[in-house]
Amino acid sequence: MSLGSERDMAVIRMLNLMAWKFETAIIVVTHDEKIVPTFKRIYHIRDGETDEETGEGRGFD
């Protein structure tokens, strides 16, 4: 079930704030490409292979 664009970003904002505040990682599994730029590290799993890339870690200014 999708939360809707506005709520999606509110949840991601909250998770990023928690990760920063508690100095921990948050793992998000998604097919939603619009939230990908908000993360600093991205893992793609395709055909049993995992690839890592550096994300933009873009904020919500």
PDB file of N, CA and C in Angstrom:
ATOM      1  N   MET A   1       0.847  -1.178   0.000  1.00  0.00           N
ATOM      2  CA  MET A   1       0.000   0.000   0.000  1.00  0.00           C
ATOM      3  C   MET A   1       0.892   1.240   0.000  1.00  0.00           C
ATOM      4  N   SER A   2       0.616   2.132  -0.887  1.00  0.00           N
ATOM      5  CA  SER A   2       1.393   3.365  -0.986  1.00  0.00           C
ATOM      6  C   SER A   2       0.841   4.411  -0.033  1.00  0.00           C
ATOM      7  N   LEU A   3       1.750   5.175   0.544  1.00  0.00           N
ATOM      8  CA  LEU A   3       1.331   6.238   1.465  1.00  0.00           C
ATOM      9  C   LEU A   3       0.935   7.511   0.740  1.00  0.00           C
ATOM     10  N   GLY A   4       1.383   7.680  -0.489  1.00  0.00           N
ATOM     11  CA  GLY A   4       1.184   8.930  -1.218  1.00  0.00           C
ATOM     12  C   GLY A   4       2.457   9.751  -1.136  1.00  0.00           C
ATOM     13  N   SER A   5       2.727  10.546  -2.147  1.00  0.00           N
ATOM     14  CA  SER A   5       3.992  11.282  -2.269  1.00  0.00           C
ATOM     15  C   SER A   5       4.341  12.122  -1.055  1.00  0.00           C
ATOM     16  N   GLU A   6       3.394  12.882  -0.554  1.00  0.00           N
ATOM     17  CA  GLU A   6       3.662  13.771   0.573  1.00  0.00           C
ATOM     18  C   GLU A   6       4.014  12.977   1.837  1.00  0.00           C
ATOM     19  N   ARG A   7       3.256  11.948   2.099  1.00  0.00           N
ATOM     20  CA  ARG A   7       3.511  11.124   3.284  1.00  0.00           C
ATOM     21  C   ARG A   7       4.774  10.289   3.122  1.00  0.00           C
ATOM     22  N   ASP A   8       5.036   9.804   1.891  1.00  0.00           N
ATOM     23  CA  ASP A   8       6.282   9.071   1.637  1.00  0.00           C
ATOM     24  C   ASP A   8       7.476   9.901   2.077  1.00  0.00           C
ATOM     25  N   MET A   9       7.530  11.128   1.624  1.00  0.00           N
ATOM     26  CA  MET A   9       8.666  11.990   1.933  1.00  0.00           C
ATOM     27  C   MET A   9       8.704  12.356   3.412  1.00  0.00           C
ATOM     28  N   ALA A  10       7.555  12.480   4.056  1.00  0.00           N
ATOM     29  CA  ALA A  10       7.527  12.761   5.493  1.00  0.00           C
ATOM     30  C   ALA A  10       8.127  11.594   6.271  1.00  0.00           C
ATOM     31  N   VAL A  11       7.824  10.374   5.859  1.00  0.00           N
ATOM     32  CA  VAL A  11       8.378   9.191   6.521  1.00  0.00           C
ATOM     33  C   VAL A  11       9.883   9.126   6.302  1.00  0.00           C
ATOM     34  N   ILE A  12      10.348   9.368   5.087  1.00  0.00           N
ATOM     35  CA  ILE A  12      11.778   9.345   4.784  1.00  0.00           C
ATOM     36  C   ILE A  12      12.495  10.433   5.572  1.00  0.00           C
ATOM     37  N   ARG A  13      11.895  11.608   5.654  1.00  0.00           N
ATOM     38  CA  ARG A  13      12.462  12.720   6.436  1.00  0.00           C
ATOM     39  C   ARG A  13      12.631  12.294   7.898  1.00  0.00           C
ATOM     40  N   MET A  14      11.614  11.658   8.453  1.00  0.00           N
ATOM     41  CA  MET A  14      11.643  11.202   9.832  1.00  0.00           C
ATOM     42  C   MET A  14      12.728  10.129  10.033  1.00  0.00           C
ATOM     43  N   LEU A  15      12.834   9.190   9.104  1.00  0.00           N
ATOM     44  CA  LEU A  15      13.858   8.149   9.208  1.00  0.00           C
ATOM     45  C   LEU A  15      15.266   8.740   9.129  1.00  0.00           C
ATOM     46  N   ASN A  16      15.477   9.686   8.216  1.00  0.00           N
ATOM     47  CA  ASN A  16      16.785  10.335   8.103  1.00  0.00           C
ATOM     48  C   ASN A  16      17.133  11.105   9.378  1.00  0.00           C
ATOM     49  N   LEU A  17      16.163  11.766   9.963  1.00  0.00           N
ATOM     50  CA  LEU A  17      16.388  12.490  11.212  1.00  0.00           C
ATOM     51  C   LEU A  17      16.760  11.526  12.343  1.00  0.00           C
ATOM     52  N   MET A  18      16.068  10.403  12.422  1.00  0.00           N
ATOM     53  CA  MET A  18      16.377   9.405  13.440  1.00  0.00           C
ATOM     54  C   MET A  18      17.784   8.837  13.248  1.00  0.00           C
ATOM     55  N   ALA A  19      18.151   8.562  12.005  1.00  0.00           N
ATOM     56  CA  ALA A  19      19.491   8.033  11.723  1.00  0.00           C
ATOM     57  C   ALA A  19      20.551   9.028  12.168  1.00  0.00           C
ATOM     58  N   TRP A  20      20.338  10.292  11.872  1.00  0.00           N
ATOM     59  CA  TRP A  20      21.290  11.340  12.268  1.00  0.00           C
ATOM     60  C   TRP A  20      21.344  11.474  13.788  1.00  0.00           C
ATOM     61  N   LYS A  21      20.169  11.547  14.415  1.00  0.00           N
ATOM     62  CA  LYS A  21      20.086  11.760  15.859  1.00  0.00           C
ATOM     63  C   LYS A  21      20.719  10.612  16.647  1.00  0.00           C
ATOM     64  N   PHE A  22      20.476   9.384  16.228  1.00  0.00           N
ATOM     65  CA  PHE A  22      20.953   8.220  16.953  1.00  0.00           C
ATOM     66  C   PHE A  22      22.240   7.634  16.368  1.00  0.00           C
ATOM     67  N   GLU A  23      22.792   8.337  15.382  1.00  0.00           N
ATOM     68  CA  GLU A  23      24.041   7.907  14.740  1.00  0.00           C
ATOM     69  C   GLU A  23      23.998   6.437  14.352  1.00  0.00           C
ATOM     70  N   THR A  24      22.994   6.095  13.577  1.00  0.00           N
ATOM     71  CA  THR A  24      22.794   4.712  13.164  1.00  0.00           C
ATOM     72  C   THR A  24      22.348   4.648  11.709  1.00  0.00           C
ATOM     73  N   ALA A  25      22.302   3.473  11.187  1.00  0.00           N
ATOM     74  CA  ALA A  25      21.834   3.266   9.816  1.00  0.00           C
ATOM     75  C   ALA A  25      20.350   2.908   9.836  1.00  0.00           C
ATOM     76  N   ILE A  26      19.677   3.306   8.799  1.00  0.00           N
ATOM     77  CA  ILE A  26      18.289   2.921   8.578  1.00  0.00           C
ATOM     78  C   ILE A  26      18.260   2.183   7.247  1.00  0.00           C
ATOM     79  N   ILE A  27      17.663   1.022   7.230  1.00  0.00           N
ATOM     80  CA  ILE A  27      17.562   0.256   5.986  1.00  0.00           C
ATOM     81  C   ILE A  27      16.147   0.407   5.454  1.00  0.00           C
ATOM     82  N   VAL A  28      16.051   0.863   4.212  1.00  0.00           N
ATOM     83  CA  VAL A  28      14.759   1.046   3.551  1.00  0.00           C
ATOM     84  C   VAL A  28      14.772   0.205   2.282  1.00  0.00           C
ATOM     85  N   VAL A  29      13.774  -0.630   2.125  1.00  0.00           N
ATOM     86  CA  VAL A  29      13.631  -1.433   0.916  1.00  0.00           C
ATOM     87  C   VAL A  29      12.472  -0.836   0.140  1.00  0.00           C
ATOM     88  N   THR A  30      12.744  -0.433  -1.110  1.00  0.00           N
ATOM     89  CA  THR A  30      11.708   0.248  -1.883  1.00  0.00           C
ATOM     90  C   THR A  30      11.896   0.054  -3.382  1.00  0.00           C
ATOM     91  N   HIS A  31      10.819   0.247  -4.090  1.00  0.00           N
ATOM     92  CA  HIS A  31      10.858   0.312  -5.549  1.00  0.00           C
ATOM     93  C   HIS A  31      10.657   1.759  -5.999  1.00  0.00           C
ATOM     94  N   ASP A  32      10.491   2.658  -5.041  1.00  0.00           N
ATOM     95  CA  ASP A  32      10.169   4.053  -5.315  1.00  0.00           C
ATOM     96  C   ASP A  32      11.447   4.849  -5.610  1.00  0.00           C
ATOM     97  N   GLU A  33      11.705   5.094  -6.885  1.00  0.00           N
ATOM     98  CA  GLU A  33      12.937   5.760  -7.313  1.00  0.00           C
ATOM     99  C   GLU A  33      13.027   7.219  -6.867  1.00  0.00           C
ATOM    100  N   LYS A  34      11.895   7.863  -6.542  1.00  0.00           N
ATOM    101  CA  LYS A  34      11.954   9.296  -6.210  1.00  0.00           C
ATOM    102  C   LYS A  34      12.596   9.558  -4.845  1.00  0.00           C
ATOM    103  N   ILE A  35      12.643   8.549  -3.973  1.00  0.00           N
ATOM    104  CA  ILE A  35      13.259   8.769  -2.667  1.00  0.00           C
ATOM    105  C   ILE A  35      14.742   8.414  -2.651  1.00  0.00           C
ATOM    106  N   VAL A  36      15.229   7.761  -3.697  1.00  0.00           N
ATOM    107  CA  VAL A  36      16.622   7.316  -3.750  1.00  0.00           C
ATOM    108  C   VAL A  36      17.627   8.446  -3.520  1.00  0.00           C
ATOM    109  N   PRO A  37      17.455   9.650  -4.091  1.00  0.00           N
ATOM    110  CA  PRO A  37      18.456  10.709  -3.880  1.00  0.00           C
ATOM    111  C   PRO A  37      18.613  11.163  -2.427  1.00  0.00           C
ATOM    112  N   THR A  38      17.708  10.779  -1.547  1.00  0.00           N
ATOM    113  CA  THR A  38      17.805  11.205  -0.156  1.00  0.00           C
ATOM    114  C   THR A  38      18.786  10.366   0.651  1.00  0.00           C
ATOM    115  N   PHE A  39      19.260   9.269   0.088  1.00  0.00           N
ATOM    116  CA  PHE A  39      20.134   8.355   0.821  1.00  0.00           C
ATOM    117  C   PHE A  39      21.600   8.541   0.442  1.00  0.00           C
ATOM    118  N   LYS A  40      22.488   8.257   1.392  1.00  0.00           N
ATOM    119  CA  LYS A  40      23.929   8.398   1.167  1.00  0.00           C
ATOM    120  C   LYS A  40      24.543   7.149   0.561  1.00  0.00           C
ATOM    121  N   ARG A  41      23.976   5.998   0.830  1.00  0.00           N
ATOM    122  CA  ARG A  41      24.502   4.746   0.302  1.00  0.00           C
ATOM    123  C   ARG A  41      23.332   3.921  -0.216  1.00  0.00           C
ATOM    124  N   ILE A  42      23.481   3.367  -1.402  1.00  0.00           N
ATOM    125  CA  ILE A  42      22.393   2.648  -2.055  1.00  0.00           C
ATOM    126  C   ILE A  42      22.902   1.276  -2.489  1.00  0.00           C
ATOM    127  N   TYR A  43      22.122   0.263  -2.208  1.00  0.00           N
ATOM    128  CA  TYR A  43      22.431  -1.095  -2.647  1.00  0.00           C
ATOM    129  C   TYR A  43      21.326  -1.551  -3.581  1.00  0.00           C
ATOM    130  N   HIS A  44      21.713  -2.079  -4.724  1.00  0.00           N
ATOM    131  CA  HIS A  44      20.762  -2.642  -5.676  1.00  0.00           C
ATOM    132  C   HIS A  44      20.939  -4.155  -5.656  1.00  0.00           C
ATOM    133  N   ILE A  45      19.855  -4.875  -5.553  1.00  0.00           N
ATOM    134  CA  ILE A  45      19.903  -6.327  -5.598  1.00  0.00           C
ATOM    135  C   ILE A  45      19.171  -6.768  -6.858  1.00  0.00           C
ATOM    136  N   ARG A  46      19.928  -7.363  -7.764  1.00  0.00           N
ATOM    137  CA  ARG A  46      19.356  -7.833  -9.035  1.00  0.00           C
ATOM    138  C   ARG A  46      19.916  -9.213  -9.346  1.00  0.00           C
ATOM    139  N   ASP A  47      19.045 -10.133  -9.632  1.00  0.00           N
ATOM    140  CA  ASP A  47      19.451 -11.489 -10.026  1.00  0.00           C
ATOM    141  C   ASP A  47      20.428 -12.102  -9.022  1.00  0.00           C
ATOM    142  N   GLY A  48      20.192 -11.875  -7.742  1.00  0.00           N
ATOM    143  CA  GLY A  48      21.024 -12.443  -6.705  1.00  0.00           C
ATOM    144  C   GLY A  48      22.356 -11.744  -6.491  1.00  0.00           C
ATOM    145  N   GLU A  49      22.614 -10.677  -7.210  1.00  0.00           N
ATOM    146  CA  GLU A  49      23.851  -9.908  -7.085  1.00  0.00           C
ATOM    147  C   GLU A  49      23.564  -8.576  -6.401  1.00  0.00           C
ATOM    148  N   THR A  50      24.454  -8.156  -5.502  1.00  0.00           N
ATOM    149  CA  THR A  50      24.294  -6.883  -4.800  1.00  0.00           C
ATOM    150  C   THR A  50      25.363  -5.910  -5.275  1.00  0.00           C
ATOM    151  N   ASP A  51      24.936  -4.741  -5.706  1.00  0.00           N
ATOM    152  CA  ASP A  51      25.845  -3.673  -6.125  1.00  0.00           C
ATOM    153  C   ASP A  51      25.624  -2.472  -5.223  1.00  0.00           C
ATOM    154  N   GLU A  52      26.719  -1.815  -4.859  1.00  0.00           N
ATOM    155  CA  GLU A  52      26.642  -0.614  -4.001  1.00  0.00           C
ATOM    156  C   GLU A  52      26.994   0.614  -4.820  1.00  0.00           C
ATOM    157  N   GLU A  53      26.309   1.697  -4.529  1.00  0.00           N
ATOM    158  CA  GLU A  53      26.669   2.985  -5.127  1.00  0.00           C
ATOM    159  C   GLU A  53      26.533   4.065  -4.072  1.00  0.00           C
ATOM    160  N   THR A  54      27.252   5.138  -4.262  1.00  0.00           N
ATOM    161  CA  THR A  54      27.156   6.275  -3.349  1.00  0.00           C
ATOM    162  C   THR A  54      25.979   7.117  -3.786  1.00  0.00           C
ATOM    163  N   GLY A  55      25.107   7.430  -2.848  1.00  0.00           N
ATOM    164  CA  GLY A  55      23.943   8.260  -3.148  1.00  0.00           C
ATOM    165  C   GLY A  55      24.272   9.728  -2.928  1.00  0.00           C
ATOM    166  N   GLU A  56      23.316  10.559  -3.245  1.00  0.00           N
ATOM    167  CA  GLU A  56      23.481  12.005  -3.102  1.00  0.00           C
ATOM    168  C   GLU A  56      23.326  12.455  -1.661  1.00  0.00           C
ATOM    169  N   GLY A  57      22.556  11.720  -0.876  1.00  0.00           N
ATOM    170  CA  GLY A  57      22.314  12.135   0.506  1.00  0.00           C
ATOM    171  C   GLY A  57      21.674  13.506   0.567  1.00  0.00           C
ATOM    172  N   ARG A  58      20.847  13.786  -0.414  1.00  0.00           N
ATOM    173  CA  ARG A  58      20.212  15.101  -0.536  1.00  0.00           C
ATOM    174  C   ARG A  58      19.241  15.335   0.610  1.00  0.00           C
ATOM    175  N   GLY A  59      19.298  16.508   1.173  1.00  0.00           N
ATOM    176  CA  GLY A  59      18.404  16.875   2.273  1.00  0.00           C
ATOM    177  C   GLY A  59      17.040  17.292   1.781  1.00  0.00           C
ATOM    178  N   PHE A  60      16.284  17.875   2.663  1.00  0.00           N
ATOM    179  CA  PHE A  60      14.909  18.269   2.358  1.00  0.00           C
ATOM    180  C   PHE A  60      14.726  19.785   2.477  1.00  0.00           C
ATOM    181  N   ASP A  61      15.726  20.526   2.097  1.00  0.00           N
ATOM    182  CA  ASP A  61      15.661  21.987   2.235  1.00  0.00           C
ATOM    183  C   ASP A  61      14.593  22.599   1.366  1.00  0.00           C
TER     184      ASP A  61
END
